[in-house]
């Protein structure tokens, strides 16, 4: 699970442990709540997170909502006088939330699979038992949905990766993975937006810019967008 970075999170003061059908609700510091959905990372759960965000964003005490991967950060305008009551309201709103779809655009991303920027492709083959061509084929044939932006400006967390090529994040990150590297991390995939340390597994490279500060909006992707990877070149 992921929450967009840039907000300072302190030790939760109030935590409600999730049951099979209930979220975990934590008070973060004195001015925010984190709602973590129960169950696995899937689109129905993410759609319910989107519905919850839509329901609470207009509450008078709410300054901002930040949807993450199966979680929602609710940032308040000030410290609540009755935090337990707000906690209960959030839990009730989750119970009432129904799945919604976000209408987004379709983005096609040309990719060079393999080559110098696919240093982890062999490890994915070893882990999955598949050939490099099978891994590449399963990746580009996927139909992906952007569930959230986070970890770096414009980075889209994509749902839709074929489970046959799930790959755990590396215990020792690459120290200098290039911006534009196409990666797999657990059951998600994405395109790195910064050059630097990265614990995801590289399988290719995309020239397309994911984030340009001078554009409006600066991020190419948004929650609800559909993404297709197009194999522009395969170097195996």
C-alpha atoms as a PDB file:
ATOM      1  CA  UNK A   1       0.000   0.000   0.000  1.00  0.00           C
ATOM      2  CA  UNK A   2       1.107   3.476  -0.709  1.00  0.00           C
ATOM      3  CA  UNK A   3       0.283   7.033   0.212  1.00  0.00           C
ATOM      4  CA  UNK A   4       1.557   9.984  -1.771  1.00  0.00           C
ATOM      5  CA  UNK A   5       4.725  11.301  -0.254  1.00  0.00           C
ATOM      6  CA  UNK A   6       5.245  14.887   0.763  1.00  0.00           C
ATOM      7  CA  UNK A   7       3.004  14.723   3.837  1.00  0.00           C
ATOM      8  CA  UNK A   8       4.759  14.143   7.150  1.00  0.00           C
ATOM      9  CA  UNK A   9       3.229  11.169   8.893  1.00  0.00           C
ATOM     10  CA  UNK A  10       3.695  10.689  12.612  1.00  0.00           C
ATOM     11  CA  UNK A  11       2.822   7.853  14.967  1.00  0.00           C
ATOM     12  CA  UNK A  12      -0.909   7.085  14.851  1.00  0.00           C
ATOM     13  CA  UNK A  13      -2.802   8.210  17.935  1.00  0.00           C
ATOM     14  CA  UNK A  14      -5.989   6.290  17.174  1.00  0.00           C
ATOM     15  CA  UNK A  15      -5.969   2.973  15.360  1.00  0.00           C
ATOM     16  CA  UNK A  16      -8.889   0.676  14.619  1.00  0.00           C
ATOM     17  CA  UNK A  17      -7.782  -2.779  13.508  1.00  0.00           C
ATOM     18  CA  UNK A  18      -9.487  -3.944  10.326  1.00  0.00           C
ATOM     19  CA  UNK A  19     -11.679  -7.016  10.230  1.00  0.00           C
ATOM     20  CA  UNK A  20     -12.459  -8.975   7.070  1.00  0.00           C
ATOM     21  CA  UNK A  21     -14.942  -6.307   5.952  1.00  0.00           C
ATOM     22  CA  UNK A  22     -13.824  -3.206   7.833  1.00  0.00           C
ATOM     23  CA  UNK A  23     -10.975  -0.812   7.108  1.00  0.00           C
ATOM     24  CA  UNK A  24      -8.137   0.089   9.429  1.00  0.00           C
ATOM     25  CA  UNK A  25      -8.561   3.742  10.408  1.00  0.00           C
ATOM     26  CA  UNK A  26      -5.587   5.527  11.953  1.00  0.00           C
ATOM     27  CA  UNK A  27      -5.276   9.101  13.157  1.00  0.00           C
ATOM     28  CA  UNK A  28      -2.015  10.458  11.779  1.00  0.00           C
ATOM     29  CA  UNK A  29      -0.595  13.088  14.097  1.00  0.00           C
ATOM     30  CA  UNK A  30      -3.372  15.513  15.061  1.00  0.00           C
ATOM     31  CA  UNK A  31      -4.659  16.570  11.669  1.00  0.00           C
ATOM     32  CA  UNK A  32      -5.205  13.596   9.366  1.00  0.00           C
ATOM     33  CA  UNK A  33      -6.728  10.149   9.108  1.00  0.00           C
ATOM     34  CA  UNK A  34      -5.525   7.194   7.077  1.00  0.00           C
ATOM     35  CA  UNK A  35      -8.158   4.690   5.961  1.00  0.00           C
ATOM     36  CA  UNK A  36      -6.699   1.376   4.754  1.00  0.00           C
ATOM     37  CA  UNK A  37      -9.065  -0.945   2.930  1.00  0.00           C
ATOM     38  CA  UNK A  38      -9.279  -4.612   3.909  1.00  0.00           C
ATOM     39  CA  UNK A  39      -8.548  -7.392   1.470  1.00  0.00           C
ATOM     40  CA  UNK A  40      -6.308  -7.700  -1.537  1.00  0.00           C
ATOM     41  CA  UNK A  41      -5.165  -5.093  -4.026  1.00  0.00           C
ATOM     42  CA  UNK A  42      -7.849  -5.206  -6.702  1.00  0.00           C
ATOM     43  CA  UNK A  43      -9.972  -2.817  -8.730  1.00  0.00           C
ATOM     44  CA  UNK A  44     -13.224  -3.282  -6.744  1.00  0.00           C
ATOM     45  CA  UNK A  45     -11.395  -2.231  -3.576  1.00  0.00           C
ATOM     46  CA  UNK A  46      -9.762   0.707  -5.336  1.00  0.00           C
ATOM     47  CA  UNK A  47     -13.105   1.836  -6.760  1.00  0.00           C
ATOM     48  CA  UNK A  48     -14.504   1.852  -3.232  1.00  0.00           C
ATOM     49  CA  UNK A  49     -11.573   4.022  -2.122  1.00  0.00           C
ATOM     50  CA  UNK A  50     -12.423   6.440  -4.953  1.00  0.00           C
ATOM     51  CA  UNK A  51     -16.061   6.468  -3.787  1.00  0.00           C
ATOM     52  CA  UNK A  52     -14.998   7.219  -0.226  1.00  0.00           C
ATOM     53  CA  UNK A  53     -12.763  10.066  -1.393  1.00  0.00           C
ATOM     54  CA  UNK A  54     -15.639  11.533  -3.383  1.00  0.00           C
ATOM     55  CA  UNK A  55     -17.961  11.287  -0.363  1.00  0.00           C
ATOM     56  CA  UNK A  56     -15.718  13.008   2.203  1.00  0.00           C
ATOM     57  CA  UNK A  57     -13.858  15.598   0.106  1.00  0.00           C
ATOM     58  CA  UNK A  58     -16.638  18.165   0.587  1.00  0.00           C
ATOM     59  CA  UNK A  59     -16.916  17.760   4.357  1.00  0.00           C
ATOM     60  CA  UNK A  60     -16.407  21.230   5.898  1.00  0.00           C
ATOM     61  CA  UNK A  61     -13.564  20.018   8.131  1.00  0.00           C
ATOM     62  CA  UNK A  62     -11.630  18.361   5.276  1.00  0.00           C
ATOM     63  CA  UNK A  63      -8.839  20.290   3.553  1.00  0.00           C
ATOM     64  CA  UNK A  64      -7.669  17.592   1.127  1.00  0.00           C
ATOM     65  CA  UNK A  65      -8.101  13.911   0.295  1.00  0.00           C
ATOM     66  CA  UNK A  66      -5.221  11.884  -1.157  1.00  0.00           C
ATOM     67  CA  UNK A  67      -6.216   8.499  -2.614  1.00  0.00           C
ATOM     68  CA  UNK A  68      -3.441   5.914  -2.491  1.00  0.00           C
ATOM     69  CA  UNK A  69      -3.258   2.245  -3.425  1.00  0.00           C
ATOM     70  CA  UNK A  70      -6.266   0.808  -1.515  1.00  0.00           C
ATOM     71  CA  UNK A  71      -5.990   3.587   1.054  1.00  0.00           C
ATOM     72  CA  UNK A  72      -7.127   7.162   1.544  1.00  0.00           C
ATOM     73  CA  UNK A  73      -5.427   9.980   3.435  1.00  0.00           C
ATOM     74  CA  UNK A  74      -7.919  12.556   4.740  1.00  0.00           C
ATOM     75  CA  UNK A  75      -6.200  15.813   5.725  1.00  0.00           C
ATOM     76  CA  UNK A  76      -8.161  18.101   8.033  1.00  0.00           C
ATOM     77  CA  UNK A  77      -8.213  21.879   8.227  1.00  0.00           C
ATOM     78  CA  UNK A  78      -7.544  21.764  11.966  1.00  0.00           C
ATOM     79  CA  UNK A  79      -7.285  19.325  14.864  1.00  0.00           C
ATOM     80  CA  UNK A  80     -10.739  17.819  15.479  1.00  0.00           C
ATOM     81  CA  UNK A  81     -12.371  18.576  18.827  1.00  0.00           C
ATOM     82  CA  UNK A  82     -13.902  15.086  18.940  1.00  0.00           C
ATOM     83  CA  UNK A  83     -11.533  12.771  17.025  1.00  0.00           C
ATOM     84  CA  UNK A  84     -13.435   9.634  18.022  1.00  0.00           C
ATOM     85  CA  UNK A  85     -16.627  10.983  16.461  1.00  0.00           C
ATOM     86  CA  UNK A  86     -14.859  11.783  13.198  1.00  0.00           C
ATOM     87  CA  UNK A  87     -13.327   8.323  13.302  1.00  0.00           C
ATOM     88  CA  UNK A  88     -16.826   6.803  13.554  1.00  0.00           C
ATOM     89  CA  UNK A  89     -18.115   8.998  10.708  1.00  0.00           C
ATOM     90  CA  UNK A  90     -15.323   7.794   8.444  1.00  0.00           C
ATOM     91  CA  UNK A  91     -16.116   4.189   9.305  1.00  0.00           C
ATOM     92  CA  UNK A  92     -19.796   4.771   8.568  1.00  0.00           C
ATOM     93  CA  UNK A  93     -18.968   6.446   5.265  1.00  0.00           C
ATOM     94  CA  UNK A  94     -16.864   3.417   4.290  1.00  0.00           C
ATOM     95  CA  UNK A  95     -19.818   1.144   5.058  1.00  0.00           C
ATOM     96  CA  UNK A  96     -22.003   3.278   2.779  1.00  0.00           C
ATOM     97  CA  UNK A  97     -19.436   3.698   0.001  1.00  0.00           C
ATOM     98  CA  UNK A  98     -20.216   1.994  -3.270  1.00  0.00           C
ATOM     99  CA  UNK A  99     -17.805   1.311  -6.095  1.00  0.00           C
ATOM    100  CA  UNK A 100     -17.375   4.091  -8.662  1.00  0.00           C
ATOM    101  CA  UNK A 101     -15.361   4.286 -11.854  1.00  0.00           C
ATOM    102  CA  UNK A 102     -13.246   7.273 -12.772  1.00  0.00           C
ATOM    103  CA  UNK A 103     -13.584   8.167 -16.445  1.00  0.00           C
ATOM    104  CA  UNK A 104     -10.043   8.590 -17.698  1.00  0.00           C
ATOM    105  CA  UNK A 105      -8.184   8.702 -20.970  1.00  0.00           C
ATOM    106  CA  UNK A 106      -6.259   5.885 -22.651  1.00  0.00           C
ATOM    107  CA  UNK A 107      -2.484   6.328 -22.817  1.00  0.00           C
ATOM    108  CA  UNK A 108      -0.262   4.223 -25.070  1.00  0.00           C
ATOM    109  CA  UNK A 109       3.369   4.042 -23.963  1.00  0.00           C
ATOM    110  CA  UNK A 110       5.991   2.828 -26.476  1.00  0.00           C
ATOM    111  CA  UNK A 111       8.593   0.618 -24.773  1.00  0.00           C
ATOM    112  CA  UNK A 112      11.971  -0.833 -25.664  1.00  0.00           C
ATOM    113  CA  UNK A 113      11.920  -4.193 -23.885  1.00  0.00           C
ATOM    114  CA  UNK A 114      15.223  -5.768 -22.885  1.00  0.00           C
ATOM    115  CA  UNK A 115      18.553  -4.135 -23.594  1.00  0.00           C
ATOM    116  CA  UNK A 116      20.697  -2.128 -21.204  1.00  0.00           C
ATOM    117  CA  UNK A 117      17.743  -0.896 -19.142  1.00  0.00           C
ATOM    118  CA  UNK A 118      16.323  -4.337 -18.385  1.00  0.00           C
ATOM    119  CA  UNK A 119      18.883  -5.522 -15.867  1.00  0.00           C
ATOM    120  CA  UNK A 120      16.286  -7.445 -13.825  1.00  0.00           C
ATOM    121  CA  UNK A 121      14.596  -9.302 -16.671  1.00  0.00           C
ATOM    122  CA  UNK A 122      16.709 -12.422 -16.127  1.00  0.00           C
ATOM    123  CA  UNK A 123      15.763 -12.489 -12.431  1.00  0.00           C
ATOM    124  CA  UNK A 124      12.058 -12.261 -13.343  1.00  0.00           C
ATOM    125  CA  UNK A 125      12.526 -15.185 -15.733  1.00  0.00           C
ATOM    126  CA  UNK A 126      14.194 -17.238 -12.996  1.00  0.00           C
ATOM    127  CA  UNK A 127      11.440 -16.376 -10.502  1.00  0.00           C
ATOM    128  CA  UNK A 128       8.539 -17.048 -12.873  1.00  0.00           C
ATOM    129  CA  UNK A 129       9.991 -19.960 -14.812  1.00  0.00           C
ATOM    130  CA  UNK A 130       9.122 -18.174 -18.052  1.00  0.00           C
ATOM    131  CA  UNK A 131      11.329 -17.185 -20.944  1.00  0.00           C
ATOM    132  CA  UNK A 132      12.256 -13.542 -21.492  1.00  0.00           C
ATOM    133  CA  UNK A 133       9.965 -13.380 -24.529  1.00  0.00           C
ATOM    134  CA  UNK A 134       7.051 -14.765 -22.515  1.00  0.00           C
ATOM    135  CA  UNK A 135       7.612 -12.206 -19.739  1.00  0.00           C
ATOM    136  CA  UNK A 136       7.719  -9.367 -22.265  1.00  0.00           C
ATOM    137  CA  UNK A 137       4.634 -10.626 -24.090  1.00  0.00           C
ATOM    138  CA  UNK A 138       2.583 -10.957 -20.905  1.00  0.00           C
ATOM    139  CA  UNK A 139       3.614  -7.450 -19.883  1.00  0.00           C
ATOM    140  CA  UNK A 140       2.719  -5.627 -23.087  1.00  0.00           C
ATOM    141  CA  UNK A 141      -0.497  -7.562 -23.578  1.00  0.00           C
ATOM    142  CA  UNK A 142      -1.817  -6.333 -20.228  1.00  0.00           C
ATOM    143  CA  UNK A 143      -4.646  -3.830 -19.909  1.00  0.00           C
ATOM    144  CA  UNK A 144      -3.723  -1.508 -17.048  1.00  0.00           C
ATOM    145  CA  UNK A 145      -5.616   0.983 -14.887  1.00  0.00           C
ATOM    146  CA  UNK A 146      -3.961   3.849 -13.001  1.00  0.00           C
ATOM    147  CA  UNK A 147      -5.142   3.430  -9.413  1.00  0.00           C
ATOM    148  CA  UNK A 148      -3.126   6.232  -7.786  1.00  0.00           C
ATOM    149  CA  UNK A 149      -0.216   8.609  -8.195  1.00  0.00           C
ATOM    150  CA  UNK A 150       2.546   8.690  -5.614  1.00  0.00           C
ATOM    151  CA  UNK A 151       6.080   7.937  -4.398  1.00  0.00           C
ATOM    152  CA  UNK A 152       7.399  10.537  -6.887  1.00  0.00           C
ATOM    153  CA  UNK A 153       5.669  13.313  -8.884  1.00  0.00           C
ATOM    154  CA  UNK A 154       3.630  11.742 -11.668  1.00  0.00           C
ATOM    155  CA  UNK A 155       4.417   8.109 -10.884  1.00  0.00           C
ATOM    156  CA  UNK A 156       1.370   5.985 -11.668  1.00  0.00           C
ATOM    157  CA  UNK A 157       0.648   2.754  -9.826  1.00  0.00           C
ATOM    158  CA  UNK A 158      -0.850   0.407 -12.424  1.00  0.00           C
ATOM    159  CA  UNK A 159      -3.245  -2.452 -11.770  1.00  0.00           C
ATOM    160  CA  UNK A 160      -3.599  -5.260 -14.315  1.00  0.00           C
ATOM    161  CA  UNK A 161      -0.256  -7.083 -14.255  1.00  0.00           C
ATOM    162  CA  UNK A 162      -0.539 -10.753 -15.203  1.00  0.00           C
ATOM    163  CA  UNK A 163      -0.001 -12.761 -11.972  1.00  0.00           C
ATOM    164  CA  UNK A 164       2.428 -15.047 -13.793  1.00  0.00           C
ATOM    165  CA  UNK A 165       4.969 -12.209 -13.836  1.00  0.00           C
ATOM    166  CA  UNK A 166       4.460 -10.838 -10.328  1.00  0.00           C
ATOM    167  CA  UNK A 167       7.926 -10.183  -8.898  1.00  0.00           C
ATOM    168  CA  UNK A 168       8.776  -9.083  -5.333  1.00  0.00           C
ATOM    169  CA  UNK A 169      10.576  -5.785  -4.945  1.00  0.00           C
ATOM    170  CA  UNK A 170      14.320  -6.110  -4.509  1.00  0.00           C
ATOM    171  CA  UNK A 171      15.741  -6.309  -1.007  1.00  0.00           C
ATOM    172  CA  UNK A 172      18.708  -4.227  -2.199  1.00  0.00           C
ATOM    173  CA  UNK A 173      17.575  -1.457  -4.558  1.00  0.00           C
ATOM    174  CA  UNK A 174      19.376  -0.453  -7.700  1.00  0.00           C
ATOM    175  CA  UNK A 175      21.340   2.677  -6.853  1.00  0.00           C
ATOM    176  CA  UNK A 176      20.786   4.538 -10.114  1.00  0.00           C
ATOM    177  CA  UNK A 177      17.809   3.409 -12.150  1.00  0.00           C
ATOM    178  CA  UNK A 178      17.115   5.804 -15.019  1.00  0.00           C
ATOM    179  CA  UNK A 179      13.990   7.894 -15.392  1.00  0.00           C
ATOM    180  CA  UNK A 180      11.795   6.127 -17.932  1.00  0.00           C
ATOM    181  CA  UNK A 181      12.632   2.602 -16.810  1.00  0.00           C
ATOM    182  CA  UNK A 182       9.653   0.252 -17.079  1.00  0.00           C
ATOM    183  CA  UNK A 183       9.426  -1.756 -13.885  1.00  0.00           C
ATOM    184  CA  UNK A 184       7.573  -4.467 -11.986  1.00  0.00           C
ATOM    185  CA  UNK A 185       7.150  -4.258  -8.210  1.00  0.00           C
ATOM    186  CA  UNK A 186       5.086  -7.018  -6.604  1.00  0.00           C
ATOM    187  CA  UNK A 187       1.724  -7.118  -8.379  1.00  0.00           C
ATOM    188  CA  UNK A 188       2.123  -3.677  -9.915  1.00  0.00           C
ATOM    189  CA  UNK A 189       3.968  -2.141 -12.809  1.00  0.00           C
ATOM    190  CA  UNK A 190       4.930   1.406 -13.726  1.00  0.00           C
ATOM    191  CA  UNK A 191       7.391   3.786 -15.365  1.00  0.00           C
ATOM    192  CA  UNK A 192       9.988   5.494 -13.149  1.00  0.00           C
ATOM    193  CA  UNK A 193       9.806   9.291 -13.196  1.00  0.00           C
ATOM    194  CA  UNK A 194      13.100  10.041 -11.447  1.00  0.00           C
ATOM    195  CA  UNK A 195      16.658   8.786 -11.819  1.00  0.00           C
ATOM    196  CA  UNK A 196      17.918   7.338  -8.559  1.00  0.00           C
ATOM    197  CA  UNK A 197      17.600   4.397  -6.138  1.00  0.00           C
ATOM    198  CA  UNK A 198      14.742   2.057  -7.012  1.00  0.00           C
ATOM    199  CA  UNK A 199      13.672  -1.304  -5.595  1.00  0.00           C
ATOM    200  CA  UNK A 200      11.415  -2.300  -8.499  1.00  0.00           C
ATOM    201  CA  UNK A 201      12.537  -4.706 -11.228  1.00  0.00           C
ATOM    202  CA  UNK A 202      13.513  -3.260 -14.603  1.00  0.00           C
ATOM    203  CA  UNK A 203      12.319  -4.854 -17.848  1.00  0.00           C
ATOM    204  CA  UNK A 204      12.583  -2.059 -20.416  1.00  0.00           C
ATOM    205  CA  UNK A 205      12.623   1.648 -21.133  1.00  0.00           C
ATOM    206  CA  UNK A 206      10.090   4.282 -22.284  1.00  0.00           C
ATOM    207  CA  UNK A 207      11.092   7.632 -23.773  1.00  0.00           C
ATOM    208  CA  UNK A 208       7.691   9.205 -23.075  1.00  0.00           C
ATOM    209  CA  UNK A 209       7.770  11.852 -20.327  1.00  0.00           C
ATOM    210  CA  UNK A 210       5.576  10.929 -17.362  1.00  0.00           C
ATOM    211  CA  UNK A 211       5.933  14.290 -15.627  1.00  0.00           C
ATOM    212  CA  UNK A 212       6.665  17.746 -17.037  1.00  0.00           C
ATOM    213  CA  UNK A 213       6.381  20.600 -14.487  1.00  0.00           C
ATOM    214  CA  UNK A 214       5.710  23.244 -17.149  1.00  0.00           C
ATOM    215  CA  UNK A 215       2.624  21.480 -18.518  1.00  0.00           C
ATOM    216  CA  UNK A 216      -0.951  21.633 -17.210  1.00  0.00           C
ATOM    217  CA  UNK A 217      -1.482  19.150 -15.744  1.00  0.00           C
ATOM    218  CA  UNK A 218       2.178  18.248 -15.180  1.00  0.00           C
ATOM    219  CA  UNK A 219       1.523  14.495 -14.782  1.00  0.00           C
ATOM    220  CA  UNK A 220       0.757  12.489 -17.910  1.00  0.00           C
ATOM    221  CA  UNK A 221      -1.286   9.933 -15.952  1.00  0.00           C
ATOM    222  CA  UNK A 222      -4.238  10.357 -13.596  1.00  0.00           C
ATOM    223  CA  UNK A 223      -6.276   7.894 -11.509  1.00  0.00           C
ATOM    224  CA  UNK A 224      -8.776   6.116 -13.718  1.00  0.00           C
ATOM    225  CA  UNK A 225      -6.660   6.329 -16.878  1.00  0.00           C
ATOM    226  CA  UNK A 226      -6.105   3.182 -18.933  1.00  0.00           C
ATOM    227  CA  UNK A 227      -2.555   2.329 -20.021  1.00  0.00           C
ATOM    228  CA  UNK A 228      -1.331   0.085 -22.801  1.00  0.00           C
ATOM    229  CA  UNK A 229       2.359  -0.657 -23.353  1.00  0.00           C
ATOM    230  CA  UNK A 230       3.366  -0.955 -27.006  1.00  0.00           C
ATOM    231  CA  UNK A 231       6.562  -2.915 -27.820  1.00  0.00           C
ATOM    232  CA  UNK A 232       8.441  -0.441 -30.012  1.00  0.00           C
ATOM    233  CA  UNK A 233      11.584  -2.566 -29.919  1.00  0.00           C
ATOM    234  CA  UNK A 234      12.531  -5.870 -28.267  1.00  0.00           C
ATOM    235  CA  UNK A 235      16.207  -6.461 -27.539  1.00  0.00           C
ATOM    236  CA  UNK A 236      16.614  -9.952 -26.099  1.00  0.00           C
END
